[in-house]
Amino acid sequence: MSAIKIHLEYAEYSAVARYAESLGVTPEDVAFAALNRLMMRCEEPATKADIAETREWRRNNLPLWSDSACSPHPYEGKPDEQPEPARMFEHSSAGSERKE
């Protein structure tokens, strides 16, 4: 079997792992489902553009779905922000049941 390794920042992995746990699956299951959804739309011009754009912005930025990183505050004299879980997954576990 071939393998593809995905290198994630801690803030990215934490969000994926927490989401997977809320669904009762593994982070690998989430990654495969995401890849499956993308490949089902691979011929759409918007998908092709999104892949290229994501490659570029990911060099210096975390995605919106990741946990916040300790980035410098935009105003001088303010301390770094404390990391916090991504808000988009706060309610994802409500009503979910663990799948065996």
Protein backbone atom coordinates (compact mmCIF):
# COMPACT_ATOMS: atom_id res chain seq x y z
CA MET A 1 0.00 0.00 0.00
CA SER A 2 1.29 3.45 -0.85
CA ALA A 3 1.40 6.20 1.75
CA ILE A 4 1.03 9.97 1.74
CA LYS A 5 2.34 11.83 4.78
CA ILE A 6 0.66 15.06 5.80
CA HIS A 7 2.77 17.35 7.93
CA LEU A 8 0.57 19.44 10.23
CA GLU A 9 1.39 22.15 12.70
CA TYR A 10 0.31 21.36 16.26
CA ALA A 11 -2.58 23.85 15.99
CA GLU A 12 -3.81 22.08 12.85
CA TYR A 13 -3.47 18.56 14.25
CA SER A 14 -5.20 19.48 17.52
CA ALA A 15 -8.29 20.70 15.68
CA VAL A 16 -8.40 17.60 13.46
CA ALA A 17 -7.88 15.22 16.39
CA ARG A 18 -10.58 16.90 18.49
CA TYR A 19 -13.03 16.78 15.58
CA ALA A 20 -12.26 13.13 14.92
CA GLU A 21 -12.78 12.29 18.58
CA SER A 22 -16.16 14.03 18.54
CA LEU A 23 -17.17 11.77 15.63
CA GLY A 24 -15.73 8.61 17.15
CA VAL A 25 -13.20 8.15 14.33
CA THR A 26 -9.44 8.65 13.90
CA PRO A 27 -7.68 11.73 12.52
CA GLU A 28 -6.68 9.54 9.56
CA ASP A 29 -10.37 8.89 8.87
CA VAL A 30 -11.01 12.64 8.78
CA ALA A 31 -8.05 13.20 6.44
CA PHE A 32 -9.19 10.45 4.08
CA ALA A 33 -12.76 11.78 4.02
CA ALA A 34 -11.43 15.25 3.19
CA LEU A 35 -9.24 13.85 0.42
CA ASN A 36 -12.17 11.82 -0.91
CA ARG A 37 -14.41 14.90 -1.06
CA LEU A 38 -11.69 16.88 -2.82
CA MET A 39 -10.98 14.16 -5.39
CA MET A 40 -14.69 13.86 -6.19
CA ARG A 41 -14.49 17.50 -7.34
CA CYS A 42 -10.99 17.47 -8.83
CA GLU A 43 -12.11 18.54 -12.32
CA GLU A 44 -13.81 21.73 -11.11
CA PRO A 45 -11.76 24.86 -11.83
CA ALA A 46 -12.50 26.20 -8.33
CA THR A 47 -10.99 23.07 -6.76
CA LYS A 48 -7.84 23.37 -8.86
CA ALA A 49 -7.50 27.04 -7.91
CA ASP A 50 -8.11 26.27 -4.23
CA ILE A 51 -5.31 23.69 -4.19
CA ALA A 52 -2.83 26.14 -5.71
CA GLU A 53 -3.90 29.01 -3.43
CA THR A 54 -3.78 26.83 -0.31
CA ARG A 55 -0.25 25.73 -1.17
CA GLU A 56 0.83 29.38 -1.30
CA TRP A 57 -0.86 30.75 1.84
CA ARG A 58 -0.03 27.72 3.96
CA ARG A 59 3.67 28.62 3.85
CA ASN A 60 3.07 31.47 6.31
CA ASN A 61 -0.42 31.04 7.74
CA LEU A 62 -2.58 28.60 9.66
CA PRO A 63 -5.99 27.70 8.21
CA LEU A 64 -9.10 29.23 9.77
CA TRP A 65 -10.18 25.82 11.12
CA SER A 66 -6.97 25.32 13.11
CA ASP A 67 -6.51 26.20 16.75
CA SER A 68 -5.18 29.73 17.16
CA ALA A 69 -1.43 29.99 17.47
CA CYS A 70 0.47 32.33 19.79
CA SER A 71 0.89 35.00 17.17
CA PRO A 72 2.17 38.48 17.95
CA HIS A 73 -0.55 40.92 18.86
CA PRO A 74 -1.01 43.51 16.11
CA TYR A 75 -0.59 46.39 18.55
CA GLU A 76 2.73 47.28 20.09
CA GLY A 77 3.11 46.57 23.76
CA LYS A 78 0.44 43.87 23.88
CA PRO A 79 1.40 40.32 24.91
CA ASP A 80 1.10 37.34 22.59
CA GLU A 81 -2.38 35.86 22.47
CA GLN A 82 -2.87 32.56 24.26
CA PRO A 83 -3.72 29.63 21.99
CA GLU A 84 -7.33 28.48 22.06
CA PRO A 85 -9.31 25.73 20.33
CA ALA A 86 -10.83 26.48 16.95
CA ARG A 87 -14.34 27.84 17.46
CA MET A 88 -15.84 26.04 14.48
CA PHE A 89 -15.64 22.70 16.35
CA GLU A 90 -17.08 23.87 19.68
CA HIS A 91 -20.52 22.39 19.04
CA SER A 92 -19.57 19.53 16.70
CA SER A 93 -19.79 16.89 19.43
CA ALA A 94 -23.32 17.78 20.49
CA GLY A 95 -25.57 14.85 19.74
CA SER A 96 -22.84 12.73 18.19
CA GLU A 97 -22.44 9.11 19.10
CA ARG A 98 -19.19 7.20 19.15
CA LYS A 99 -18.88 4.78 16.24
CA GLU A 100 -17.17 1.46 16.91
